[in-house]
Amino acid sequence: MKAHLAVLGLFFASSVASAALIEKTVELSSPAVKPEQTMWLGLDFSTGKIIENVKWNDPKSPKWDIRSAASYFATNRAKVWFLNTRAFETVKEAPSNANYETDSEFDPDGLFGPRKKGFYNKPLTECCNYDMLAGHLRVPKPHVMVIQTADNHFAKLQVVQYVRKGKGAKMSHDEDGEIFQDSRGDDGKTHVLIRYKYNTVAGDRKLE
């Protein structure tokens, strides 16, 4: 009887642990206009909901964790650690001793770049390489980001695909990516595909 209860307890604990993790793939799509005119799209990790026109560090905004304007990223008072691995499943836990970075004010494109100086998250914004010869594409790097949200939840995230004007770049085993023609053609939007896994239990660092 005791052994039976122990097995049940182990099964219940395992079920609770797996139920605490939410994995989603979402696409953030915004009009393909000049970078300084692109609206910010917010993403709520807990629901996968996308919120338009979110403002940085605005307590009146609906809940969101990260935001994107094409290939530019900021967070809602979160911290991000950049991990040089493409193996999403092998990142099993958010480390406690990593150098997590908060948002800071900087010019993401350099002095003469198209996006104005503002508050961005550097590790997230540097998730893609710029490829002018491939049609001004952003090519996702084979990396994983670990995020600690403002309310002390942990998530891991990977930008897996970027599409602009009918041409796309997928993350591959190296930083050159895989260039392809998107079946939607030039629909006037920029599409950023993100994969993430989020722990619904505050303070729990488990990510697998």
N, C-alpha and C. Protein backbone atom coordinates (compact mmCIF):
# COMPACT_ATOMS: atom_id res chain seq x y z
N MET A 1 0.83 -1.21 0.00
CA MET A 1 0.00 0.00 0.00
C MET A 1 0.86 1.26 0.00
N LYS A 2 1.93 1.25 0.88
CA LYS A 2 2.81 2.40 0.96
C LYS A 2 3.55 2.61 -0.36
N ALA A 3 3.98 1.50 -0.97
CA ALA A 3 4.68 1.60 -2.25
C ALA A 3 3.76 2.17 -3.32
N HIS A 4 2.48 1.71 -3.27
CA HIS A 4 1.48 2.19 -4.24
C HIS A 4 1.28 3.69 -4.09
N LEU A 5 1.17 4.16 -2.84
CA LEU A 5 0.99 5.58 -2.58
C LEU A 5 2.22 6.38 -3.03
N ALA A 6 3.39 5.80 -2.84
CA ALA A 6 4.62 6.49 -3.23
C ALA A 6 4.67 6.68 -4.74
N VAL A 7 4.25 5.64 -5.49
CA VAL A 7 4.22 5.73 -6.94
C VAL A 7 3.22 6.79 -7.38
N LEU A 8 2.04 6.81 -6.72
CA LEU A 8 1.03 7.81 -7.03
C LEU A 8 1.56 9.22 -6.76
N GLY A 9 2.26 9.36 -5.64
CA GLY A 9 2.83 10.65 -5.28
C GLY A 9 3.85 11.11 -6.30
N LEU A 10 4.68 10.19 -6.77
CA LEU A 10 5.68 10.51 -7.78
C LEU A 10 5.02 10.92 -9.09
N PHE A 11 3.96 10.19 -9.47
CA PHE A 11 3.24 10.50 -10.69
C PHE A 11 2.58 11.87 -10.60
N PHE A 12 2.00 12.17 -9.42
CA PHE A 12 1.33 13.45 -9.23
C PHE A 12 2.34 14.60 -9.29
N ALA A 13 3.48 14.41 -8.65
CA ALA A 13 4.52 15.45 -8.66
C ALA A 13 5.01 15.71 -10.08
N SER A 14 5.19 14.61 -10.86
CA SER A 14 5.63 14.74 -12.24
C SER A 14 4.59 15.47 -13.08
N SER A 15 3.31 15.16 -12.85
CA SER A 15 2.23 15.80 -13.61
C SER A 15 2.16 17.28 -13.30
N VAL A 16 2.31 17.62 -12.02
CA VAL A 16 2.28 19.03 -11.63
C VAL A 16 3.43 19.79 -12.26
N ALA A 17 4.62 19.17 -12.27
CA ALA A 17 5.80 19.81 -12.84
C ALA A 17 5.62 20.09 -14.32
N SER A 18 5.10 19.09 -15.08
CA SER A 18 4.92 19.28 -16.51
C SER A 18 3.81 20.26 -16.80
N ALA A 19 2.76 20.27 -15.95
CA ALA A 19 1.65 21.20 -16.14
C ALA A 19 2.06 22.64 -15.90
N ALA A 20 3.15 22.85 -15.13
CA ALA A 20 3.60 24.20 -14.82
C ALA A 20 4.29 24.87 -16.00
N LEU A 21 4.68 24.09 -17.01
CA LEU A 21 5.40 24.64 -18.16
C LEU A 21 4.48 24.81 -19.35
N ILE A 22 4.52 25.99 -19.94
CA ILE A 22 3.74 26.29 -21.14
C ILE A 22 4.70 26.49 -22.30
N GLU A 23 4.51 25.75 -23.37
CA GLU A 23 5.34 25.94 -24.57
C GLU A 23 4.47 26.40 -25.72
N LYS A 24 4.88 27.47 -26.38
CA LYS A 24 4.12 28.01 -27.50
C LYS A 24 5.06 28.50 -28.59
N THR A 25 4.55 28.53 -29.81
CA THR A 25 5.21 29.18 -30.93
C THR A 25 4.26 30.25 -31.44
N VAL A 26 4.71 31.49 -31.44
CA VAL A 26 3.84 32.61 -31.84
C VAL A 26 4.54 33.42 -32.92
N GLU A 27 3.72 34.09 -33.74
CA GLU A 27 4.26 34.95 -34.78
C GLU A 27 3.85 36.39 -34.52
N LEU A 28 4.84 37.26 -34.45
CA LEU A 28 4.59 38.69 -34.27
C LEU A 28 4.68 39.34 -35.64
N SER A 29 3.56 39.88 -36.12
CA SER A 29 3.49 40.44 -37.47
C SER A 29 3.17 41.92 -37.39
N SER A 30 4.01 42.73 -38.01
CA SER A 30 3.80 44.18 -37.99
C SER A 30 4.01 44.73 -39.39
N PRO A 31 3.40 45.89 -39.72
CA PRO A 31 3.56 46.47 -41.05
C PRO A 31 5.03 46.69 -41.40
N ALA A 32 5.41 46.36 -42.63
CA ALA A 32 6.80 46.53 -43.07
C ALA A 32 7.01 47.97 -43.51
N VAL A 33 7.13 48.85 -42.53
CA VAL A 33 7.37 50.27 -42.78
C VAL A 33 8.76 50.61 -42.25
N LYS A 34 9.11 51.89 -42.27
CA LYS A 34 10.40 52.28 -41.73
C LYS A 34 10.49 51.87 -40.26
N PRO A 35 11.66 51.41 -39.82
CA PRO A 35 11.79 50.89 -38.45
C PRO A 35 11.28 51.84 -37.37
N GLU A 36 11.52 53.15 -37.56
CA GLU A 36 11.08 54.09 -36.53
C GLU A 36 9.57 54.25 -36.48
N GLN A 37 8.86 53.75 -37.53
CA GLN A 37 7.40 53.85 -37.56
C GLN A 37 6.71 52.54 -37.15
N THR A 38 7.48 51.48 -36.99
CA THR A 38 6.91 50.17 -36.67
C THR A 38 6.37 50.16 -35.25
N MET A 39 5.11 49.73 -35.10
CA MET A 39 4.53 49.70 -33.76
C MET A 39 5.09 48.54 -32.96
N TRP A 40 5.11 48.71 -31.65
CA TRP A 40 5.58 47.66 -30.75
C TRP A 40 4.44 46.67 -30.48
N LEU A 41 4.75 45.39 -30.63
CA LEU A 41 3.81 44.31 -30.30
C LEU A 41 4.27 43.63 -29.03
N GLY A 42 3.41 43.58 -28.02
CA GLY A 42 3.75 42.94 -26.76
C GLY A 42 3.30 41.49 -26.74
N LEU A 43 4.03 40.65 -26.02
CA LEU A 43 3.70 39.22 -25.88
C LEU A 43 3.60 38.87 -24.40
N ASP A 44 2.46 38.30 -24.03
CA ASP A 44 2.24 37.81 -22.66
C ASP A 44 2.59 36.33 -22.66
N PHE A 45 3.67 35.96 -21.96
CA PHE A 45 4.11 34.56 -21.94
C PHE A 45 3.04 33.62 -21.38
N SER A 46 2.30 34.06 -20.39
CA SER A 46 1.37 33.16 -19.70
C SER A 46 0.18 32.75 -20.58
N THR A 47 -0.17 33.58 -21.56
CA THR A 47 -1.33 33.28 -22.41
C THR A 47 -0.97 33.14 -23.88
N GLY A 48 0.18 33.65 -24.29
CA GLY A 48 0.52 33.70 -25.71
C GLY A 48 -0.17 34.83 -26.43
N LYS A 49 -0.85 35.69 -25.69
CA LYS A 49 -1.60 36.79 -26.29
C LYS A 49 -0.66 37.89 -26.78
N ILE A 50 -0.99 38.47 -27.94
CA ILE A 50 -0.23 39.56 -28.53
C ILE A 50 -1.01 40.86 -28.37
N ILE A 51 -0.36 41.88 -27.84
CA ILE A 51 -1.00 43.16 -27.56
C ILE A 51 -0.35 44.23 -28.42
N GLU A 52 -1.16 45.02 -29.12
CA GLU A 52 -0.62 46.04 -30.02
C GLU A 52 -0.28 47.33 -29.26
N ASN A 53 0.71 48.04 -29.79
CA ASN A 53 1.08 49.39 -29.33
C ASN A 53 1.38 49.47 -27.84
N VAL A 54 2.11 48.50 -27.32
CA VAL A 54 2.46 48.56 -25.89
C VAL A 54 3.58 49.57 -25.69
N LYS A 55 3.60 50.16 -24.50
CA LYS A 55 4.61 51.16 -24.17
C LYS A 55 5.57 50.59 -23.13
N TRP A 56 6.82 51.02 -23.21
CA TRP A 56 7.85 50.52 -22.31
C TRP A 56 7.59 51.00 -20.89
N ASN A 57 7.58 50.05 -19.94
CA ASN A 57 7.47 50.35 -18.51
C ASN A 57 6.24 51.19 -18.19
N ASP A 58 5.12 50.87 -18.84
CA ASP A 58 3.87 51.60 -18.62
C ASP A 58 2.93 50.75 -17.76
N PRO A 59 2.68 51.14 -16.49
CA PRO A 59 1.83 50.33 -15.61
C PRO A 59 0.38 50.25 -16.07
N LYS A 60 -0.04 51.13 -16.99
CA LYS A 60 -1.42 51.12 -17.48
C LYS A 60 -1.62 50.14 -18.63
N SER A 61 -0.53 49.64 -19.21
CA SER A 61 -0.66 48.70 -20.32
C SER A 61 -1.17 47.35 -19.83
N PRO A 62 -1.85 46.58 -20.70
CA PRO A 62 -2.18 45.19 -20.34
C PRO A 62 -0.88 44.43 -20.08
N LYS A 63 -1.00 43.28 -19.39
CA LYS A 63 0.20 42.51 -19.05
C LYS A 63 0.93 42.06 -20.31
N TRP A 64 2.24 42.30 -20.34
CA TRP A 64 3.09 41.78 -21.39
C TRP A 64 4.49 41.58 -20.80
N ASP A 65 5.26 40.68 -21.42
CA ASP A 65 6.59 40.35 -20.91
C ASP A 65 7.71 40.84 -21.81
N ILE A 66 7.56 40.63 -23.12
CA ILE A 66 8.52 41.20 -24.07
C ILE A 66 7.73 41.89 -25.16
N ARG A 67 8.40 42.78 -25.89
CA ARG A 67 7.76 43.42 -27.04
C ARG A 67 8.74 43.45 -28.20
N SER A 68 8.18 43.50 -29.41
CA SER A 68 8.99 43.46 -30.62
C SER A 68 8.47 44.48 -31.62
N ALA A 69 9.40 45.16 -32.26
CA ALA A 69 9.10 46.00 -33.42
C ALA A 69 10.02 45.49 -34.53
N ALA A 70 9.48 44.60 -35.36
CA ALA A 70 10.29 43.90 -36.37
C ALA A 70 11.38 43.11 -35.66
N SER A 71 12.65 43.47 -35.86
CA SER A 71 13.74 42.70 -35.24
C SER A 71 14.27 43.36 -33.97
N TYR A 72 13.58 44.36 -33.47
CA TYR A 72 14.00 45.07 -32.26
C TYR A 72 13.17 44.59 -31.08
N PHE A 73 13.80 44.44 -29.92
CA PHE A 73 13.12 43.87 -28.76
C PHE A 73 13.37 44.70 -27.50
N ALA A 74 12.37 44.70 -26.64
CA ALA A 74 12.51 45.25 -25.30
C ALA A 74 11.70 44.36 -24.36
N THR A 75 11.85 44.55 -23.08
CA THR A 75 11.10 43.76 -22.11
C THR A 75 10.32 44.68 -21.18
N ASN A 76 9.41 44.09 -20.44
CA ASN A 76 8.63 44.84 -19.46
C ASN A 76 9.28 44.63 -18.08
N ARG A 77 10.46 45.28 -17.91
CA ARG A 77 11.21 45.22 -16.65
C ARG A 77 11.72 43.81 -16.36
N ALA A 78 12.01 43.05 -17.42
CA ALA A 78 12.55 41.70 -17.26
C ALA A 78 14.07 41.73 -17.39
N LYS A 79 14.68 40.56 -17.19
CA LYS A 79 16.13 40.39 -17.35
C LYS A 79 16.38 39.21 -18.27
N VAL A 80 17.40 39.33 -19.13
CA VAL A 80 17.63 38.33 -20.17
C VAL A 80 19.09 37.88 -20.15
N TRP A 81 19.26 36.56 -20.31
CA TRP A 81 20.59 35.97 -20.43
C TRP A 81 20.69 35.27 -21.77
N PHE A 82 21.78 35.55 -22.48
CA PHE A 82 22.02 35.04 -23.82
C PHE A 82 22.86 33.77 -23.74
N LEU A 83 22.35 32.65 -24.28
CA LEU A 83 23.04 31.36 -24.19
C LEU A 83 23.41 30.90 -25.59
N ASN A 84 24.68 30.64 -25.81
CA ASN A 84 25.19 30.30 -27.14
C ASN A 84 24.97 28.83 -27.46
N THR A 85 23.71 28.45 -27.62
CA THR A 85 23.37 27.08 -28.03
C THR A 85 22.05 27.12 -28.79
N ARG A 86 21.93 26.29 -29.82
CA ARG A 86 20.67 26.20 -30.56
C ARG A 86 19.77 25.09 -30.02
N ALA A 87 20.29 24.29 -29.09
CA ALA A 87 19.56 23.12 -28.59
C ALA A 87 18.56 23.56 -27.52
N PHE A 88 17.38 23.94 -27.95
CA PHE A 88 16.35 24.47 -27.06
C PHE A 88 16.04 23.53 -25.91
N GLU A 89 15.90 22.24 -26.20
CA GLU A 89 15.50 21.26 -25.19
C GLU A 89 16.57 21.02 -24.13
N THR A 90 17.83 21.33 -24.44
CA THR A 90 18.89 21.06 -23.46
C THR A 90 18.98 22.14 -22.38
N VAL A 91 18.29 23.25 -22.57
CA VAL A 91 18.27 24.30 -21.53
C VAL A 91 17.17 23.92 -20.54
N LYS A 92 17.55 23.20 -19.51
CA LYS A 92 16.57 22.60 -18.60
C LYS A 92 16.24 23.47 -17.39
N GLU A 93 17.08 24.45 -17.12
CA GLU A 93 16.87 25.27 -15.93
C GLU A 93 17.50 26.65 -16.13
N ALA A 94 16.85 27.66 -15.57
CA ALA A 94 17.40 29.01 -15.62
C ALA A 94 18.49 29.14 -14.56
N PRO A 95 19.71 29.44 -14.95
CA PRO A 95 20.80 29.51 -13.97
C PRO A 95 20.62 30.70 -13.03
N SER A 96 21.13 30.55 -11.82
CA SER A 96 21.03 31.62 -10.83
C SER A 96 22.22 32.55 -10.86
N ASN A 97 23.32 32.12 -11.49
CA ASN A 97 24.55 32.91 -11.46
C ASN A 97 24.91 33.50 -12.81
N ALA A 98 23.95 33.56 -13.75
CA ALA A 98 24.23 34.10 -15.08
C ALA A 98 24.17 35.63 -15.07
N ASN A 99 24.75 36.22 -16.10
CA ASN A 99 24.78 37.67 -16.21
C ASN A 99 23.53 38.15 -16.96
N TYR A 100 22.40 38.17 -16.27
CA TYR A 100 21.15 38.64 -16.86
C TYR A 100 21.22 40.15 -17.11
N GLU A 101 20.70 40.58 -18.26
CA GLU A 101 20.76 42.01 -18.61
C GLU A 101 19.36 42.60 -18.66
N THR A 102 19.22 43.78 -18.05
CA THR A 102 17.98 44.52 -18.12
C THR A 102 17.99 45.41 -19.36
N ASP A 103 16.86 46.05 -19.66
CA ASP A 103 16.81 46.97 -20.78
C ASP A 103 17.67 48.20 -20.50
N SER A 104 18.22 48.76 -21.55
CA SER A 104 19.04 49.96 -21.40
C SER A 104 18.81 50.86 -22.60
N GLU A 105 19.19 52.10 -22.47
CA GLU A 105 19.02 53.07 -23.55
C GLU A 105 20.25 53.05 -24.44
N PHE A 106 20.05 52.68 -25.71
CA PHE A 106 21.16 52.68 -26.64
C PHE A 106 20.65 52.74 -28.07
N ASP A 107 21.55 52.95 -29.00
CA ASP A 107 21.23 53.01 -30.42
C ASP A 107 21.51 51.63 -31.01
N PRO A 108 20.49 50.85 -31.35
CA PRO A 108 20.72 49.46 -31.78
C PRO A 108 21.40 49.34 -33.14
N ASP A 109 21.36 50.38 -33.97
CA ASP A 109 21.92 50.30 -35.32
C ASP A 109 23.19 51.13 -35.50
N GLY A 110 23.70 51.70 -34.43
CA GLY A 110 24.84 52.60 -34.59
C GLY A 110 24.38 54.00 -34.93
N LEU A 111 25.33 54.91 -35.07
CA LEU A 111 25.02 56.33 -35.20
C LEU A 111 24.10 56.63 -36.37
N PHE A 112 24.26 55.91 -37.50
CA PHE A 112 23.51 56.24 -38.70
C PHE A 112 22.43 55.20 -39.03
N GLY A 113 22.08 54.39 -38.08
CA GLY A 113 21.09 53.34 -38.32
C GLY A 113 19.67 53.86 -38.38
N PRO A 114 18.74 53.04 -38.88
CA PRO A 114 17.35 53.50 -39.07
C PRO A 114 16.52 53.59 -37.80
N ARG A 115 16.88 52.82 -36.77
CA ARG A 115 16.06 52.84 -35.55
C ARG A 115 16.63 53.84 -34.56
N LYS A 116 15.76 54.67 -34.02
CA LYS A 116 16.21 55.72 -33.11
C LYS A 116 16.70 55.15 -31.78
N LYS A 117 17.49 55.96 -31.11
CA LYS A 117 17.95 55.61 -29.77
C LYS A 117 16.74 55.47 -28.85
N GLY A 118 16.74 54.44 -28.02
CA GLY A 118 15.62 54.20 -27.12
C GLY A 118 15.97 53.08 -26.16
N PHE A 119 14.96 52.60 -25.43
CA PHE A 119 15.18 51.51 -24.48
C PHE A 119 14.93 50.17 -25.17
N TYR A 120 15.97 49.33 -25.19
CA TYR A 120 15.91 48.02 -25.80
C TYR A 120 16.56 47.02 -24.85
N ASN A 121 16.32 45.74 -25.12
CA ASN A 121 17.07 44.71 -24.42
C ASN A 121 18.14 44.20 -25.37
N LYS A 122 19.38 44.40 -25.00
CA LYS A 122 20.48 44.12 -25.92
C LYS A 122 20.57 42.65 -26.32
N PRO A 123 20.54 41.67 -25.37
CA PRO A 123 20.63 40.27 -25.80
C PRO A 123 19.50 39.86 -26.75
N LEU A 124 18.28 40.34 -26.49
CA LEU A 124 17.17 40.00 -27.38
C LEU A 124 17.31 40.68 -28.74
N THR A 125 17.68 41.94 -28.74
CA THR A 125 17.81 42.67 -30.00
C THR A 125 18.93 42.12 -30.86
N GLU A 126 19.93 41.52 -30.24
CA GLU A 126 21.04 40.94 -31.00
C GLU A 126 20.80 39.48 -31.35
N CYS A 127 19.54 39.06 -31.36
CA CYS A 127 19.20 37.67 -31.67
C CYS A 127 19.33 37.36 -33.16
N CYS A 128 19.46 38.39 -34.00
CA CYS A 128 19.55 38.18 -35.44
C CYS A 128 20.76 38.91 -36.02
N ASN A 129 21.30 38.36 -37.10
CA ASN A 129 22.31 39.05 -37.90
C ASN A 129 21.63 39.77 -39.05
N TYR A 130 22.20 40.88 -39.46
CA TYR A 130 21.67 41.64 -40.60
C TYR A 130 22.36 41.20 -41.89
N ASP A 131 21.55 40.85 -42.90
CA ASP A 131 22.09 40.39 -44.18
C ASP A 131 21.56 41.29 -45.30
N MET A 132 22.36 42.26 -45.70
CA MET A 132 21.93 43.21 -46.74
C MET A 132 21.80 42.52 -48.09
N LEU A 133 22.72 41.59 -48.40
CA LEU A 133 22.72 40.93 -49.71
C LEU A 133 21.52 40.02 -49.90
N ALA A 134 20.92 39.56 -48.79
CA ALA A 134 19.74 38.68 -48.89
C ALA A 134 18.45 39.48 -48.89
N GLY A 135 18.54 40.80 -49.13
CA GLY A 135 17.33 41.62 -49.18
C GLY A 135 17.02 42.29 -47.87
N HIS A 136 18.06 42.71 -47.17
CA HIS A 136 17.90 43.39 -45.87
C HIS A 136 17.17 42.52 -44.86
N LEU A 137 17.51 41.25 -44.87
CA LEU A 137 16.89 40.30 -43.95
C LEU A 137 17.62 40.29 -42.60
N ARG A 138 16.88 39.93 -41.57
CA ARG A 138 17.48 39.60 -40.29
C ARG A 138 17.50 38.08 -40.19
N VAL A 139 18.68 37.53 -39.95
CA VAL A 139 18.85 36.08 -39.91
C VAL A 139 18.97 35.63 -38.45
N PRO A 140 18.03 34.82 -37.96
CA PRO A 140 18.08 34.39 -36.55
C PRO A 140 19.36 33.62 -36.22
N LYS A 141 19.99 34.00 -35.13
CA LYS A 141 21.17 33.28 -34.66
C LYS A 141 20.75 31.99 -33.96
N PRO A 142 21.58 30.94 -34.02
CA PRO A 142 21.24 29.67 -33.35
C PRO A 142 21.51 29.75 -31.85
N HIS A 143 20.72 30.55 -31.15
CA HIS A 143 20.92 30.80 -29.74
C HIS A 143 19.61 30.70 -28.96
N VAL A 144 19.74 30.55 -27.67
CA VAL A 144 18.58 30.53 -26.76
C VAL A 144 18.74 31.67 -25.75
N MET A 145 17.65 32.36 -25.45
CA MET A 145 17.65 33.37 -24.41
C MET A 145 16.85 32.87 -23.21
N VAL A 146 17.38 33.08 -22.01
CA VAL A 146 16.66 32.76 -20.78
C VAL A 146 16.20 34.08 -20.17
N ILE A 147 14.93 34.13 -19.77
CA ILE A 147 14.33 35.38 -19.31
C ILE A 147 13.75 35.22 -17.91
N GLN A 148 14.03 36.19 -17.06
CA GLN A 148 13.40 36.30 -15.75
C GLN A 148 12.47 37.51 -15.81
N THR A 149 11.17 37.27 -15.70
CA THR A 149 10.20 38.35 -15.85
C THR A 149 10.16 39.22 -14.60
N ALA A 150 9.46 40.33 -14.71
CA ALA A 150 9.37 41.27 -13.59
C ALA A 150 8.68 40.65 -12.37
N ASP A 151 7.78 39.68 -12.61
CA ASP A 151 7.09 39.01 -11.50
C ASP A 151 7.74 37.67 -11.14
N ASN A 152 9.04 37.53 -11.50
CA ASN A 152 9.88 36.40 -11.08
C ASN A 152 9.43 35.05 -11.64
N HIS A 153 9.01 35.05 -12.90
CA HIS A 153 8.80 33.81 -13.63
C HIS A 153 9.94 33.64 -14.62
N PHE A 154 10.23 32.40 -14.98
CA PHE A 154 11.35 32.12 -15.89
C PHE A 154 10.83 31.53 -17.19
N ALA A 155 11.51 31.89 -18.26
CA ALA A 155 11.15 31.37 -19.59
C ALA A 155 12.43 31.25 -20.41
N LYS A 156 12.36 30.43 -21.45
CA LYS A 156 13.44 30.39 -22.45
C LYS A 156 12.80 30.69 -23.80
N LEU A 157 13.58 31.30 -24.68
CA LEU A 157 13.02 31.82 -25.92
C LEU A 157 14.03 31.69 -27.04
N GLN A 158 13.50 31.47 -28.23
CA GLN A 158 14.33 31.37 -29.42
C GLN A 158 13.60 32.02 -30.58
N VAL A 159 14.26 32.91 -31.30
CA VAL A 159 13.71 33.46 -32.54
C VAL A 159 14.09 32.48 -33.65
N VAL A 160 13.10 31.88 -34.28
CA VAL A 160 13.38 30.79 -35.22
C VAL A 160 13.21 31.18 -36.69
N GLN A 161 12.49 32.29 -36.95
CA GLN A 161 12.26 32.66 -38.36
C GLN A 161 11.93 34.14 -38.47
N TYR A 162 12.41 34.74 -39.56
CA TYR A 162 12.15 36.15 -39.82
C TYR A 162 11.77 36.27 -41.29
N VAL A 163 10.65 36.95 -41.59
CA VAL A 163 10.17 37.10 -42.97
C VAL A 163 9.90 38.57 -43.25
N ARG A 164 10.38 39.03 -44.39
CA ARG A 164 10.16 40.42 -44.82
C ARG A 164 10.04 40.47 -46.33
N LYS A 165 8.96 41.08 -46.82
CA LYS A 165 8.72 41.26 -48.26
C LYS A 165 8.82 39.95 -49.03
N GLY A 166 8.23 38.90 -48.47
CA GLY A 166 8.16 37.62 -49.16
C GLY A 166 9.40 36.77 -49.10
N LYS A 167 10.43 37.27 -48.41
CA LYS A 167 11.66 36.51 -48.28
C LYS A 167 11.92 36.24 -46.81
N GLY A 168 12.37 35.01 -46.51
CA GLY A 168 12.52 34.64 -45.11
C GLY A 168 13.89 34.05 -44.80
N ALA A 169 14.18 34.02 -43.51
CA ALA A 169 15.41 33.39 -43.01
C ALA A 169 15.05 32.55 -41.80
N LYS A 170 15.43 31.28 -41.85
CA LYS A 170 15.22 30.37 -40.73
C LYS A 170 16.51 30.18 -39.96
N MET A 171 16.38 29.94 -38.66
CA MET A 171 17.53 29.59 -37.86
C MET A 171 18.07 28.24 -38.33
N SER A 172 19.39 28.11 -38.43
CA SER A 172 20.01 26.85 -38.81
C SER A 172 21.14 26.53 -37.85
N HIS A 173 21.99 25.58 -38.20
CA HIS A 173 23.05 25.14 -37.30
C HIS A 173 24.16 26.18 -37.17
N ASP A 174 24.22 27.16 -38.12
CA ASP A 174 25.23 28.21 -38.01
C ASP A 174 24.54 29.56 -38.17
N GLU A 175 25.33 30.64 -38.14
CA GLU A 175 24.75 31.97 -38.15
C GLU A 175 24.39 32.47 -39.55
N ASP A 176 24.65 31.65 -40.59
CA ASP A 176 24.25 32.02 -41.95
C ASP A 176 22.76 31.85 -42.18
N GLY A 177 22.14 30.98 -41.39
CA GLY A 177 20.72 30.73 -41.53
C GLY A 177 20.36 30.00 -42.82
N GLU A 178 19.06 29.86 -43.03
CA GLU A 178 18.54 29.21 -44.24
C GLU A 178 17.57 30.18 -44.90
N ILE A 179 17.94 30.72 -46.06
CA ILE A 179 17.14 31.71 -46.77
C ILE A 179 16.10 31.00 -47.63
N PHE A 180 14.86 31.51 -47.66
CA PHE A 180 13.79 30.87 -48.43
C PHE A 180 12.79 31.93 -48.91
N GLN A 181 11.97 31.53 -49.88
CA GLN A 181 10.86 32.37 -50.36
C GLN A 181 9.61 32.00 -49.58
N ASP A 182 8.97 32.98 -48.98
CA ASP A 182 7.78 32.72 -48.18
C ASP A 182 6.55 32.64 -49.09
N SER A 183 5.68 31.68 -48.82
CA SER A 183 4.51 31.44 -49.68
C SER A 183 3.50 32.58 -49.64
N ARG A 184 3.56 33.42 -48.62
CA ARG A 184 2.63 34.55 -48.53
C ARG A 184 2.99 35.69 -49.47
N GLY A 185 4.21 35.65 -50.03
CA GLY A 185 4.66 36.74 -50.88
C GLY A 185 4.86 38.01 -50.07
N ASP A 186 4.90 39.13 -50.78
CA ASP A 186 5.07 40.42 -50.10
C ASP A 186 3.71 40.91 -49.63
N ASP A 187 3.38 40.63 -48.37
CA ASP A 187 2.08 41.02 -47.82
C ASP A 187 2.14 42.33 -47.05
N GLY A 188 3.28 43.04 -47.18
CA GLY A 188 3.40 44.33 -46.52
C GLY A 188 3.67 44.25 -45.03
N LYS A 189 4.08 43.06 -44.55
CA LYS A 189 4.33 42.89 -43.13
C LYS A 189 5.69 42.24 -42.87
N THR A 190 6.18 42.46 -41.68
CA THR A 190 7.35 41.74 -41.18
C THR A 190 6.87 40.71 -40.18
N HIS A 191 7.30 39.45 -40.33
CA HIS A 191 6.85 38.35 -39.47
C HIS A 191 8.04 37.78 -38.70
N VAL A 192 7.92 37.77 -37.39
CA VAL A 192 8.97 37.20 -36.54
C VAL A 192 8.37 36.03 -35.78
N LEU A 193 8.91 34.83 -36.01
CA LEU A 193 8.40 33.62 -35.37
C LEU A 193 9.24 33.30 -34.14
N ILE A 194 8.56 33.17 -33.00
CA ILE A 194 9.24 32.97 -31.72
C ILE A 194 8.73 31.68 -31.07
N ARG A 195 9.67 30.91 -30.56
CA ARG A 195 9.35 29.73 -29.76
C ARG A 195 9.76 30.01 -28.32
N TYR A 196 8.87 29.70 -27.37
CA TYR A 196 9.23 29.91 -25.98
C TYR A 196 8.61 28.86 -25.07
N LYS A 197 9.20 28.72 -23.90
CA LYS A 197 8.68 27.84 -22.85
C LYS A 197 8.71 28.62 -21.55
N TYR A 198 7.58 28.63 -20.85
CA TYR A 198 7.36 29.52 -19.71
C TYR A 198 6.93 28.72 -18.49
N ASN A 199 7.55 28.99 -17.36
CA ASN A 199 7.17 28.32 -16.11
C ASN A 199 6.15 29.17 -15.38
N THR A 200 4.98 28.61 -15.13
CA THR A 200 3.88 29.35 -14.52
C THR A 200 4.04 29.51 -13.00
N VAL A 201 5.01 28.81 -12.42
CA VAL A 201 5.24 28.88 -10.97
C VAL A 201 6.31 29.93 -10.69
N ALA A 202 5.96 30.97 -9.97
CA ALA A 202 6.90 32.05 -9.67
C ALA A 202 8.09 31.51 -8.88
N GLY A 203 9.28 31.88 -9.29
CA GLY A 203 10.50 31.48 -8.59
C GLY A 203 11.05 30.13 -8.99
N ASP A 204 10.28 29.33 -9.74
CA ASP A 204 10.74 28.00 -10.16
C ASP A 204 11.57 28.15 -11.43
N ARG A 205 12.82 27.71 -11.39
CA ARG A 205 13.75 27.86 -12.51
C ARG A 205 13.68 26.75 -13.53
N LYS A 206 12.88 25.72 -13.31
CA LYS A 206 12.81 24.60 -14.24
C LYS A 206 12.22 25.05 -15.58
N LEU A 207 12.86 24.60 -16.66
CA LEU A 207 12.41 24.95 -18.00
C LEU A 207 12.20 23.72 -18.89
N GLU A 208 12.34 22.55 -18.29
CA GLU A 208 12.02 21.28 -18.98
C GLU A 208 11.41 20.31 -17.99
